[in-house]
């Protein structure tokens, strides 16, 4: 079993790989508007959505609506005072890239 320090290090490495993947997938017109900090924050909110929506506990096939997740990310970012300028239509591309990364790494 890995130590807590080792698990943290592995999580950080995974986040760096995912961030690089997302950056690579984004259209250049969108990429320039979002910092790494913004994208990492969105990645956390996407995970939060999966946990709070019940998707992960469902035993049935679930249709995941990426637009709903993008809206959730924008709403939470505004509520938490992180950013009120996230655009759901742009954030959708980040959510889609996150989804693609997860699909490739199952």
PDB file of N, CA and C in Angstrom:
ATOM      1  N   UNK A   1       0.845  -1.179   0.000  1.00  0.00           N
ATOM      2  CA  UNK A   1       0.000   0.000   0.000  1.00  0.00           C
ATOM      3  C   UNK A   1       0.892   1.244   0.000  1.00  0.00           C
ATOM      4  N   UNK A   2       0.540   2.193  -0.830  1.00  0.00           N
ATOM      5  CA  UNK A   2       1.328   3.422  -0.956  1.00  0.00           C
ATOM      6  C   UNK A   2       1.103   4.333   0.246  1.00  0.00           C
ATOM      7  N   UNK A   3       2.124   5.079   0.589  1.00  0.00           N
ATOM      8  CA  UNK A   3       1.993   6.042   1.672  1.00  0.00           C
ATOM      9  C   UNK A   3       1.131   7.216   1.201  1.00  0.00           C
ATOM     10  N   UNK A   4       0.681   8.004   2.122  1.00  0.00           N
ATOM     11  CA  UNK A   4      -0.125   9.177   1.779  1.00  0.00           C
ATOM     12  C   UNK A   4       0.676  10.120   0.892  1.00  0.00           C
ATOM     13  N   UNK A   5       1.940  10.317   1.212  1.00  0.00           N
ATOM     14  CA  UNK A   5       2.791  11.186   0.387  1.00  0.00           C
ATOM     15  C   UNK A   5       2.896  10.655  -1.043  1.00  0.00           C
ATOM     16  N   UNK A   6       3.021   9.341  -1.169  1.00  0.00           N
ATOM     17  CA  UNK A   6       3.123   8.732  -2.496  1.00  0.00           C
ATOM     18  C   UNK A   6       1.799   8.896  -3.253  1.00  0.00           C
ATOM     19  N   UNK A   7       0.674   8.723  -2.578  1.00  0.00           N
ATOM     20  CA  UNK A   7      -0.627   8.896  -3.223  1.00  0.00           C
ATOM     21  C   UNK A   7      -0.839  10.345  -3.667  1.00  0.00           C
ATOM     22  N   UNK A   8      -0.423  11.286  -2.859  1.00  0.00           N
ATOM     23  CA  UNK A   8      -0.529  12.704  -3.223  1.00  0.00           C
ATOM     24  C   UNK A   8       0.324  12.992  -4.453  1.00  0.00           C
ATOM     25  N   UNK A   9       1.542  12.457  -4.458  1.00  0.00           N
ATOM     26  CA  UNK A   9       2.431  12.643  -5.603  1.00  0.00           C
ATOM     27  C   UNK A   9       1.819  12.045  -6.874  1.00  0.00           C
ATOM     28  N   UNK A  10       1.231  10.864  -6.769  1.00  0.00           N
ATOM     29  CA  UNK A  10       0.611  10.217  -7.926  1.00  0.00           C
ATOM     30  C   UNK A  10      -0.610  11.007  -8.414  1.00  0.00           C
ATOM     31  N   UNK A  11      -1.393  11.540  -7.476  1.00  0.00           N
ATOM     32  CA  UNK A  11      -2.544  12.373  -7.845  1.00  0.00           C
ATOM     33  C   UNK A  11      -2.095  13.634  -8.577  1.00  0.00           C
ATOM     34  N   UNK A  12      -1.020  14.255  -8.091  1.00  0.00           N
ATOM     35  CA  UNK A  12      -0.494  15.456  -8.738  1.00  0.00           C
ATOM     36  C   UNK A  12       0.003  15.145 -10.140  1.00  0.00           C
ATOM     37  N   UNK A  13       0.663  14.008 -10.308  1.00  0.00           N
ATOM     38  CA  UNK A  13       1.132  13.602 -11.637  1.00  0.00           C
ATOM     39  C   UNK A  13      -0.052  13.378 -12.579  1.00  0.00           C
ATOM     40  N   UNK A  14      -1.078  12.713 -12.080  1.00  0.00           N
ATOM     41  CA  UNK A  14      -2.276  12.455 -12.881  1.00  0.00           C
ATOM     42  C   UNK A  14      -2.944  13.775 -13.274  1.00  0.00           C
ATOM     43  N   UNK A  15      -3.028  14.710 -12.347  1.00  0.00           N
ATOM     44  CA  UNK A  15      -3.608  16.019 -12.649  1.00  0.00           C
ATOM     45  C   UNK A  15      -2.792  16.752 -13.714  1.00  0.00           C
ATOM     46  N   UNK A  16      -1.474  16.670 -13.651  1.00  0.00           N
ATOM     47  CA  UNK A  16      -0.630  17.308 -14.664  1.00  0.00           C
ATOM     48  C   UNK A  16      -0.841  16.680 -16.040  1.00  0.00           C
ATOM     49  N   UNK A  17      -0.963  15.359 -16.071  1.00  0.00           N
ATOM     50  CA  UNK A  17      -1.212  14.676 -17.349  1.00  0.00           C
ATOM     51  C   UNK A  17      -2.586  15.055 -17.909  1.00  0.00           C
ATOM     52  N   UNK A  18      -3.574  15.093 -17.032  1.00  0.00           N
ATOM     53  CA  UNK A  18      -4.919  15.461 -17.477  1.00  0.00           C
ATOM     54  C   UNK A  18      -4.958  16.908 -17.951  1.00  0.00           C
ATOM     55  N   UNK A  19      -4.332  17.795 -17.227  1.00  0.00           N
ATOM     56  CA  UNK A  19      -4.276  19.202 -17.621  1.00  0.00           C
ATOM     57  C   UNK A  19      -3.630  19.349 -18.998  1.00  0.00           C
ATOM     58  N   UNK A  20      -2.527  18.656 -19.216  1.00  0.00           N
ATOM     59  CA  UNK A  20      -1.849  18.715 -20.518  1.00  0.00           C
ATOM     60  C   UNK A  20      -2.753  18.174 -21.621  1.00  0.00           C
ATOM     61  N   UNK A  21      -3.461  17.090 -21.333  1.00  0.00           N
ATOM     62  CA  UNK A  21      -4.386  16.514 -22.313  1.00  0.00           C
ATOM     63  C   UNK A  21      -5.485  17.515 -22.658  1.00  0.00           C
ATOM     64  N   UNK A  22      -6.094  18.120 -21.634  1.00  0.00           N
ATOM     65  CA  UNK A  22      -7.167  19.087 -21.855  1.00  0.00           C
ATOM     66  C   UNK A  22      -6.648  20.262 -22.672  1.00  0.00           C
ATOM     67  N   UNK A  23      -5.508  20.804 -22.289  1.00  0.00           N
ATOM     68  CA  UNK A  23      -4.921  21.935 -23.026  1.00  0.00           C
ATOM     69  C   UNK A  23      -4.719  21.578 -24.500  1.00  0.00           C
ATOM     70  N   UNK A  24      -4.260  20.359 -24.746  1.00  0.00           N
ATOM     71  CA  UNK A  24      -4.010  19.910 -26.108  1.00  0.00           C
ATOM     72  C   UNK A  24      -5.311  19.791 -26.912  1.00  0.00           C
ATOM     73  N   UNK A  25      -6.408  19.482 -26.253  1.00  0.00           N
ATOM     74  CA  UNK A  25      -7.689  19.275 -26.929  1.00  0.00           C
ATOM     75  C   UNK A  25      -8.450  20.573 -27.198  1.00  0.00           C
ATOM     76  N   UNK A  26      -8.154  21.611 -26.437  1.00  0.00           N
ATOM     77  CA  UNK A  26      -8.927  22.849 -26.552  1.00  0.00           C
ATOM     78  C   UNK A  26      -8.627  23.609 -27.844  1.00  0.00           C
ATOM     79  N   UNK A  27      -9.668  24.177 -28.442  1.00  0.00           N
ATOM     80  CA  UNK A  27      -9.431  25.071 -29.578  1.00  0.00           C
ATOM     81  C   UNK A  27      -8.591  26.266 -29.116  1.00  0.00           C
ATOM     82  N   UNK A  28      -7.714  26.754 -29.975  1.00  0.00           N
ATOM     83  CA  UNK A  28      -6.831  27.856 -29.593  1.00  0.00           C
ATOM     84  C   UNK A  28      -7.613  29.106 -29.205  1.00  0.00           C
ATOM     85  N   UNK A  29      -8.796  29.280 -29.775  1.00  0.00           N
ATOM     86  CA  UNK A  29      -9.606  30.453 -29.438  1.00  0.00           C
ATOM     87  C   UNK A  29     -10.092  30.414 -27.999  1.00  0.00           C
ATOM     88  N   UNK A  30     -10.165  29.242 -27.415  1.00  0.00           N
ATOM     89  CA  UNK A  30     -10.624  29.090 -26.030  1.00  0.00           C
ATOM     90  C   UNK A  30      -9.440  28.960 -25.079  1.00  0.00           C
ATOM     91  N   UNK A  31      -8.433  28.242 -25.515  1.00  0.00           N
ATOM     92  CA  UNK A  31      -7.261  27.941 -24.685  1.00  0.00           C
ATOM     93  C   UNK A  31      -6.669  29.187 -24.033  1.00  0.00           C
ATOM     94  N   UNK A  32      -6.629  30.279 -24.779  1.00  0.00           N
ATOM     95  CA  UNK A  32      -5.966  31.485 -24.285  1.00  0.00           C
ATOM     96  C   UNK A  32      -6.734  32.190 -23.167  1.00  0.00           C
ATOM     97  N   UNK A  33      -7.999  31.853 -22.988  1.00  0.00           N
ATOM     98  CA  UNK A  33      -8.808  32.532 -21.974  1.00  0.00           C
ATOM     99  C   UNK A  33      -8.767  31.850 -20.600  1.00  0.00           C
ATOM    100  N   UNK A  34      -8.220  30.638 -20.525  1.00  0.00           N
ATOM    101  CA  UNK A  34      -8.256  29.879 -19.281  1.00  0.00           C
ATOM    102  C   UNK A  34      -6.853  29.482 -18.847  1.00  0.00           C
ATOM    103  N   UNK A  35      -6.507  29.872 -17.630  1.00  0.00           N
ATOM    104  CA  UNK A  35      -5.198  29.531 -17.072  1.00  0.00           C
ATOM    105  C   UNK A  35      -5.207  28.081 -16.597  1.00  0.00           C
ATOM    106  N   UNK A  36      -4.008  27.581 -16.295  1.00  0.00           N
ATOM    107  CA  UNK A  36      -3.920  26.240 -15.709  1.00  0.00           C
ATOM    108  C   UNK A  36      -4.701  26.191 -14.401  1.00  0.00           C
ATOM    109  N   UNK A  37      -4.611  27.246 -13.618  1.00  0.00           N
ATOM    110  CA  UNK A  37      -5.341  27.303 -12.350  1.00  0.00           C
ATOM    111  C   UNK A  37      -6.843  27.198 -12.601  1.00  0.00           C
ATOM    112  N   UNK A  38      -7.353  27.877 -13.630  1.00  0.00           N
ATOM    113  CA  UNK A  38      -8.771  27.801 -13.971  1.00  0.00           C
ATOM    114  C   UNK A  38      -9.165  26.369 -14.324  1.00  0.00           C
ATOM    115  N   UNK A  39      -8.360  25.742 -15.156  1.00  0.00           N
ATOM    116  CA  UNK A  39      -8.693  24.390 -15.614  1.00  0.00           C
ATOM    117  C   UNK A  39      -8.612  23.387 -14.473  1.00  0.00           C
ATOM    118  N   UNK A  40      -7.603  23.504 -13.619  1.00  0.00           N
ATOM    119  CA  UNK A  40      -7.507  22.618 -12.455  1.00  0.00           C
ATOM    120  C   UNK A  40      -8.715  22.790 -11.540  1.00  0.00           C
ATOM    121  N   UNK A  41      -9.139  24.015 -11.362  1.00  0.00           N
ATOM    122  CA  UNK A  41     -10.335  24.296 -10.555  1.00  0.00           C
ATOM    123  C   UNK A  41     -11.556  23.621 -11.190  1.00  0.00           C
ATOM    124  N   UNK A  42     -11.692  23.762 -12.514  1.00  0.00           N
ATOM    125  CA  UNK A  42     -12.817  23.131 -13.207  1.00  0.00           C
ATOM    126  C   UNK A  42     -12.758  21.614 -13.081  1.00  0.00           C
ATOM    127  N   UNK A  43     -11.574  21.049 -13.161  1.00  0.00           N
ATOM    128  CA  UNK A  43     -11.427  19.598 -13.010  1.00  0.00           C
ATOM    129  C   UNK A  43     -11.964  19.153 -11.650  1.00  0.00           C
ATOM    130  N   UNK A  44     -11.679  19.916 -10.612  1.00  0.00           N
ATOM    131  CA  UNK A  44     -12.195  19.590  -9.276  1.00  0.00           C
ATOM    132  C   UNK A  44     -13.716  19.689  -9.238  1.00  0.00           C
ATOM    133  N   UNK A  45     -14.261  20.717  -9.880  1.00  0.00           N
ATOM    134  CA  UNK A  45     -15.719  20.870  -9.895  1.00  0.00           C
ATOM    135  C   UNK A  45     -16.396  19.770 -10.701  1.00  0.00           C
ATOM    136  N   UNK A  46     -15.765  19.326 -11.760  1.00  0.00           N
ATOM    137  CA  UNK A  46     -16.322  18.226 -12.547  1.00  0.00           C
ATOM    138  C   UNK A  46     -16.405  16.967 -11.694  1.00  0.00           C
ATOM    139  N   UNK A  47     -15.352  16.670 -10.966  1.00  0.00           N
ATOM    140  CA  UNK A  47     -15.369  15.520 -10.058  1.00  0.00           C
ATOM    141  C   UNK A  47     -16.455  15.702  -9.008  1.00  0.00           C
ATOM    142  N   UNK A  48     -16.567  16.903  -8.475  1.00  0.00           N
ATOM    143  CA  UNK A  48     -17.604  17.200  -7.489  1.00  0.00           C
ATOM    144  C   UNK A  48     -18.993  16.935  -8.073  1.00  0.00           C
ATOM    145  N   UNK A  49     -19.196  17.322  -9.316  1.00  0.00           N
ATOM    146  CA  UNK A  49     -20.490  17.071  -9.964  1.00  0.00           C
ATOM    147  C   UNK A  49     -20.774  15.570 -10.006  1.00  0.00           C
ATOM    148  N   UNK A  50     -19.803  14.779 -10.405  1.00  0.00           N
ATOM    149  CA  UNK A  50     -20.017  13.336 -10.498  1.00  0.00           C
ATOM    150  C   UNK A  50     -20.394  12.744  -9.138  1.00  0.00           C
ATOM    151  N   UNK A  51     -19.743  13.200  -8.087  1.00  0.00           N
ATOM    152  CA  UNK A  51     -20.046  12.678  -6.755  1.00  0.00           C
ATOM    153  C   UNK A  51     -21.400  13.154  -6.237  1.00  0.00           C
ATOM    154  N   UNK A  52     -21.729  14.408  -6.445  1.00  0.00           N
ATOM    155  CA  UNK A  52     -22.972  14.949  -5.874  1.00  0.00           C
ATOM    156  C   UNK A  52     -24.205  14.631  -6.711  1.00  0.00           C
ATOM    157  N   UNK A  53     -24.034  14.302  -7.986  1.00  0.00           N
ATOM    158  CA  UNK A  53     -25.179  14.027  -8.858  1.00  0.00           C
ATOM    159  C   UNK A  53     -25.704  12.607  -8.708  1.00  0.00           C
ATOM    160  N   UNK A  54     -24.930  11.726  -8.107  1.00  0.00           N
ATOM    161  CA  UNK A  54     -25.345  10.342  -7.969  1.00  0.00           C
ATOM    162  C   UNK A  54     -24.978   9.471  -9.154  1.00  0.00           C
ATOM    163  N   UNK A  55     -24.348  10.045 -10.162  1.00  0.00           N
ATOM    164  CA  UNK A  55     -23.965   9.283 -11.354  1.00  0.00           C
ATOM    165  C   UNK A  55     -23.079   8.091 -10.991  1.00  0.00           C
ATOM    166  N   UNK A  56     -22.160   8.295 -10.089  1.00  0.00           N
ATOM    167  CA  UNK A  56     -21.199   7.238  -9.761  1.00  0.00           C
ATOM    168  C   UNK A  56     -21.838   6.073  -9.012  1.00  0.00           C
ATOM    169  N   UNK A  57     -22.939   6.327  -8.304  1.00  0.00           N
ATOM    170  CA  UNK A  57     -23.593   5.277  -7.532  1.00  0.00           C
ATOM    171  C   UNK A  57     -24.650   4.529  -8.332  1.00  0.00           C
ATOM    172  N   UNK A  58     -25.011   5.058  -9.479  1.00  0.00           N
ATOM    173  CA  UNK A  58     -26.071   4.456 -10.281  1.00  0.00           C
ATOM    174  C   UNK A  58     -25.619   3.128 -10.866  1.00  0.00           C
ATOM    175  N   UNK A  59     -26.492   2.143 -10.777  1.00  0.00           N
ATOM    176  CA  UNK A  59     -26.185   0.848 -11.369  1.00  0.00           C
ATOM    177  C   UNK A  59     -26.761   0.744 -12.777  1.00  0.00           C
ATOM    178  N   UNK A  60     -27.588   1.703 -13.156  1.00  0.00           N
ATOM    179  CA  UNK A  60     -28.157   1.750 -14.497  1.00  0.00           C
ATOM    180  C   UNK A  60     -27.239   2.536 -15.411  1.00  0.00           C
ATOM    181  N   UNK A  61     -27.418   2.337 -16.717  1.00  0.00           N
ATOM    182  CA  UNK A  61     -26.706   3.179 -17.665  1.00  0.00           C
ATOM    183  C   UNK A  61     -27.228   4.600 -17.524  1.00  0.00           C
ATOM    184  N   UNK A  62     -26.327   5.539 -17.430  1.00  0.00           N
ATOM    185  CA  UNK A  62     -26.692   6.930 -17.228  1.00  0.00           C
ATOM    186  C   UNK A  62     -26.211   7.740 -18.421  1.00  0.00           C
ATOM    187  N   UNK A  63     -27.101   8.555 -18.950  1.00  0.00           N
ATOM    188  CA  UNK A  63     -26.685   9.494 -19.989  1.00  0.00           C
ATOM    189  C   UNK A  63     -26.095  10.705 -19.300  1.00  0.00           C
ATOM    190  N   UNK A  64     -24.847  10.978 -19.581  1.00  0.00           N
ATOM    191  CA  UNK A  64     -24.164  12.118 -18.980  1.00  0.00           C
ATOM    192  C   UNK A  64     -24.279  13.289 -19.948  1.00  0.00           C
ATOM    193  N   UNK A  65     -24.889  14.362 -19.464  1.00  0.00           N
ATOM    194  CA  UNK A  65     -25.075  15.563 -20.284  1.00  0.00           C
ATOM    195  C   UNK A  65     -23.947  16.543 -19.957  1.00  0.00           C
ATOM    196  N   UNK A  66     -23.004  16.656 -20.869  1.00  0.00           N
ATOM    197  CA  UNK A  66     -21.831  17.492 -20.630  1.00  0.00           C
ATOM    198  C   UNK A  66     -22.199  18.971 -20.544  1.00  0.00           C
ATOM    199  N   UNK A  67     -23.270  19.373 -21.197  1.00  0.00           N
ATOM    200  CA  UNK A  67     -23.728  20.767 -21.090  1.00  0.00           C
ATOM    201  C   UNK A  67     -24.197  21.070 -19.670  1.00  0.00           C
ATOM    202  N   UNK A  68     -24.868  20.117 -19.057  1.00  0.00           N
ATOM    203  CA  UNK A  68     -25.310  20.294 -17.667  1.00  0.00           C
ATOM    204  C   UNK A  68     -24.099  20.435 -16.751  1.00  0.00           C
ATOM    205  N   UNK A  69     -23.076  19.639 -17.004  1.00  0.00           N
ATOM    206  CA  UNK A  69     -21.865  19.722 -16.185  1.00  0.00           C
ATOM    207  C   UNK A  69     -21.176  21.069 -16.388  1.00  0.00           C
ATOM    208  N   UNK A  70     -21.112  21.542 -17.625  1.00  0.00           N
ATOM    209  CA  UNK A  70     -20.510  22.855 -17.900  1.00  0.00           C
ATOM    210  C   UNK A  70     -21.273  23.954 -17.176  1.00  0.00           C
ATOM    211  N   UNK A  71     -22.604  23.882 -17.199  1.00  0.00           N
ATOM    212  CA  UNK A  71     -23.422  24.859 -16.477  1.00  0.00           C
ATOM    213  C   UNK A  71     -23.154  24.791 -14.979  1.00  0.00           C
ATOM    214  N   UNK A  72     -23.034  23.569 -14.441  1.00  0.00           N
ATOM    215  CA  UNK A  72     -22.739  23.371 -13.026  1.00  0.00           C
ATOM    216  C   UNK A  72     -21.404  24.022 -12.658  1.00  0.00           C
ATOM    217  N   UNK A  73     -20.394  23.796 -13.490  1.00  0.00           N
ATOM    218  CA  UNK A  73     -19.058  24.361 -13.232  1.00  0.00           C
ATOM    219  C   UNK A  73     -19.125  25.888 -13.192  1.00  0.00           C
ATOM    220  N   UNK A  74     -19.803  26.481 -14.158  1.00  0.00           N
ATOM    221  CA  UNK A  74     -19.892  27.947 -14.222  1.00  0.00           C
ATOM    222  C   UNK A  74     -20.657  28.503 -13.025  1.00  0.00           C
ATOM    223  N   UNK A  75     -21.753  27.843 -12.678  1.00  0.00           N
ATOM    224  CA  UNK A  75     -22.563  28.303 -11.547  1.00  0.00           C
ATOM    225  C   UNK A  75     -21.777  28.225 -10.237  1.00  0.00           C
ATOM    226  N   UNK A  76     -21.106  27.097 -10.011  1.00  0.00           N
ATOM    227  CA  UNK A  76     -20.323  26.939  -8.775  1.00  0.00           C
ATOM    228  C   UNK A  76     -19.157  27.904  -8.718  1.00  0.00           C
ATOM    229  N   UNK A  77     -18.494  28.138  -9.849  1.00  0.00           N
ATOM    230  CA  UNK A  77     -17.368  29.072  -9.875  1.00  0.00           C
ATOM    231  C   UNK A  77     -17.846  30.465  -9.474  1.00  0.00           C
ATOM    232  N   UNK A  78     -19.020  30.829  -9.936  1.00  0.00           N
ATOM    233  CA  UNK A  78     -19.577  32.140  -9.585  1.00  0.00           C
ATOM    234  C   UNK A  78     -19.977  32.175  -8.114  1.00  0.00           C
ATOM    235  N   UNK A  79     -20.664  31.133  -7.636  1.00  0.00           N
ATOM    236  CA  UNK A  79     -21.100  31.068  -6.234  1.00  0.00           C
ATOM    237  C   UNK A  79     -19.923  31.107  -5.271  1.00  0.00           C
ATOM    238  N   UNK A  80     -18.837  30.447  -5.643  1.00  0.00           N
ATOM    239  CA  UNK A  80     -17.661  30.368  -4.777  1.00  0.00           C
ATOM    240  C   UNK A  80     -16.739  31.574  -4.938  1.00  0.00           C
ATOM    241  N   UNK A  81     -17.104  32.497  -5.819  1.00  0.00           N
ATOM    242  CA  UNK A  81     -16.297  33.694  -6.012  1.00  0.00           C
ATOM    243  C   UNK A  81     -15.010  33.441  -6.765  1.00  0.00           C
ATOM    244  N   UNK A  82     -14.908  32.307  -7.426  1.00  0.00           N
ATOM    245  CA  UNK A  82     -13.690  32.012  -8.190  1.00  0.00           C
ATOM    246  C   UNK A  82     -13.682  32.792  -9.491  1.00  0.00           C
ATOM    247  N   UNK A  83     -14.809  32.760 -10.194  1.00  0.00           N
ATOM    248  CA  UNK A  83     -14.906  33.488 -11.455  1.00  0.00           C
ATOM    249  C   UNK A  83     -16.368  33.630 -11.855  1.00  0.00           C
ATOM    250  N   UNK A  84     -16.707  34.817 -12.285  1.00  0.00           N
ATOM    251  CA  UNK A  84     -18.056  35.027 -12.820  1.00  0.00           C
ATOM    252  C   UNK A  84     -17.999  35.154 -14.335  1.00  0.00           C
ATOM    253  N   UNK A  85     -16.826  34.940 -14.909  1.00  0.00           N
ATOM    254  CA  UNK A  85     -16.668  35.126 -16.344  1.00  0.00           C
ATOM    255  C   UNK A  85     -16.566  33.813 -17.130  1.00  0.00           C
ATOM    256  N   UNK A  86     -16.669  32.662 -16.448  1.00  0.00           N
ATOM    257  CA  UNK A  86     -16.645  31.406 -17.177  1.00  0.00           C
ATOM    258  C   UNK A  86     -17.872  31.339 -18.077  1.00  0.00           C
ATOM    259  N   UNK A  87     -17.649  30.992 -19.324  1.00  0.00           N
ATOM    260  CA  UNK A  87     -18.705  30.889 -20.315  1.00  0.00           C
ATOM    261  C   UNK A  87     -19.048  29.409 -20.504  1.00  0.00           C
ATOM    262  N   UNK A  88     -20.310  29.010 -20.245  1.00  0.00           N
ATOM    263  CA  UNK A  88     -20.674  27.590 -20.371  1.00  0.00           C
ATOM    264  C   UNK A  88     -20.374  26.992 -21.744  1.00  0.00           C
ATOM    265  N   UNK A  89     -20.486  27.787 -22.783  1.00  0.00           N
ATOM    266  CA  UNK A  89     -20.207  27.270 -24.124  1.00  0.00           C
ATOM    267  C   UNK A  89     -18.726  26.974 -24.307  1.00  0.00           C
ATOM    268  N   UNK A  90     -17.868  27.719 -23.645  1.00  0.00           N
ATOM    269  CA  UNK A  90     -16.428  27.460 -23.692  1.00  0.00           C
ATOM    270  C   UNK A  90     -16.042  26.357 -22.710  1.00  0.00           C
ATOM    271  N   UNK A  91     -16.625  26.401 -21.518  1.00  0.00           N
ATOM    272  CA  UNK A  91     -16.325  25.406 -20.494  1.00  0.00           C
ATOM    273  C   UNK A  91     -16.733  24.010 -20.978  1.00  0.00           C
ATOM    274  N   UNK A  92     -17.742  23.953 -21.830  1.00  0.00           N
ATOM    275  CA  UNK A  92     -18.163  22.673 -22.409  1.00  0.00           C
ATOM    276  C   UNK A  92     -16.972  21.940 -23.030  1.00  0.00           C
ATOM    277  N   UNK A  93     -16.099  22.663 -23.725  1.00  0.00           N
ATOM    278  CA  UNK A  93     -14.940  22.034 -24.363  1.00  0.00           C
ATOM    279  C   UNK A  93     -13.986  21.448 -23.325  1.00  0.00           C
ATOM    280  N   UNK A  94     -13.871  22.095 -22.176  1.00  0.00           N
ATOM    281  CA  UNK A  94     -13.025  21.578 -21.092  1.00  0.00           C
ATOM    282  C   UNK A  94     -13.662  20.335 -20.495  1.00  0.00           C
ATOM    283  N   UNK A  95     -14.976  20.380 -20.297  1.00  0.00           N
ATOM    284  CA  UNK A  95     -15.698  19.218 -19.766  1.00  0.00           C
ATOM    285  C   UNK A  95     -15.566  18.049 -20.743  1.00  0.00           C
ATOM    286  N   UNK A  96     -15.720  18.315 -22.028  1.00  0.00           N
ATOM    287  CA  UNK A  96     -15.597  17.268 -23.046  1.00  0.00           C
ATOM    288  C   UNK A  96     -14.193  16.659 -23.035  1.00  0.00           C
ATOM    289  N   UNK A  97     -13.175  17.495 -22.948  1.00  0.00           N
ATOM    290  CA  UNK A  97     -11.795  16.997 -22.917  1.00  0.00           C
ATOM    291  C   UNK A  97     -11.551  16.185 -21.650  1.00  0.00           C
ATOM    292  N   UNK A  98     -12.105  16.629 -20.525  1.00  0.00           N
ATOM    293  CA  UNK A  98     -11.991  15.881 -19.277  1.00  0.00           C
ATOM    294  C   UNK A  98     -12.641  14.507 -19.436  1.00  0.00           C
ATOM    295  N   UNK A  99     -13.825  14.481 -20.037  1.00  0.00           N
ATOM    296  CA  UNK A  99     -14.546  13.228 -20.271  1.00  0.00           C
ATOM    297  C   UNK A  99     -13.694  12.295 -21.144  1.00  0.00           C
ATOM    298  N   UNK A 100     -13.130  12.838 -22.211  1.00  0.00           N
ATOM    299  CA  UNK A 100     -12.301  12.047 -23.115  1.00  0.00           C
ATOM    300  C   UNK A 100     -11.080  11.475 -22.385  1.00  0.00           C
ATOM    301  N   UNK A 101     -10.458  12.294 -21.542  1.00  0.00           N
ATOM    302  CA  UNK A 101      -9.305  11.823 -20.769  1.00  0.00           C
ATOM    303  C   UNK A 101      -9.701  10.662 -19.873  1.00  0.00           C
ATOM    304  N   UNK A 102     -10.839  10.805 -19.179  1.00  0.00           N
ATOM    305  CA  UNK A 102     -11.302   9.749 -18.274  1.00  0.00           C
ATOM    306  C   UNK A 102     -11.599   8.463 -19.049  1.00  0.00           C
ATOM    307  N   UNK A 103     -12.226   8.613 -20.201  1.00  0.00           N
ATOM    308  CA  UNK A 103     -12.551   7.452 -21.030  1.00  0.00           C
ATOM    309  C   UNK A 103     -11.280   6.713 -21.463  1.00  0.00           C
ATOM    310  N   UNK A 104     -10.253   7.444 -21.797  1.00  0.00           N
ATOM    311  CA  UNK A 104      -9.002   6.844 -22.262  1.00  0.00           C
ATOM    312  C   UNK A 104      -8.216   6.184 -21.118  1.00  0.00           C
ATOM    313  N   UNK A 105      -8.491   6.602 -19.902  1.00  0.00           N
ATOM    314  CA  UNK A 105      -7.685   6.122 -18.768  1.00  0.00           C
ATOM    315  C   UNK A 105      -8.455   5.237 -17.803  1.00  0.00           C
ATOM    316  N   UNK A 106      -9.508   4.614 -18.276  1.00  0.00           N
ATOM    317  CA  UNK A 106     -10.256   3.676 -17.428  1.00  0.00           C
ATOM    318  C   UNK A 106      -9.541   2.366 -17.299  1.00  0.00           C
TER     319      UNK A 106
END
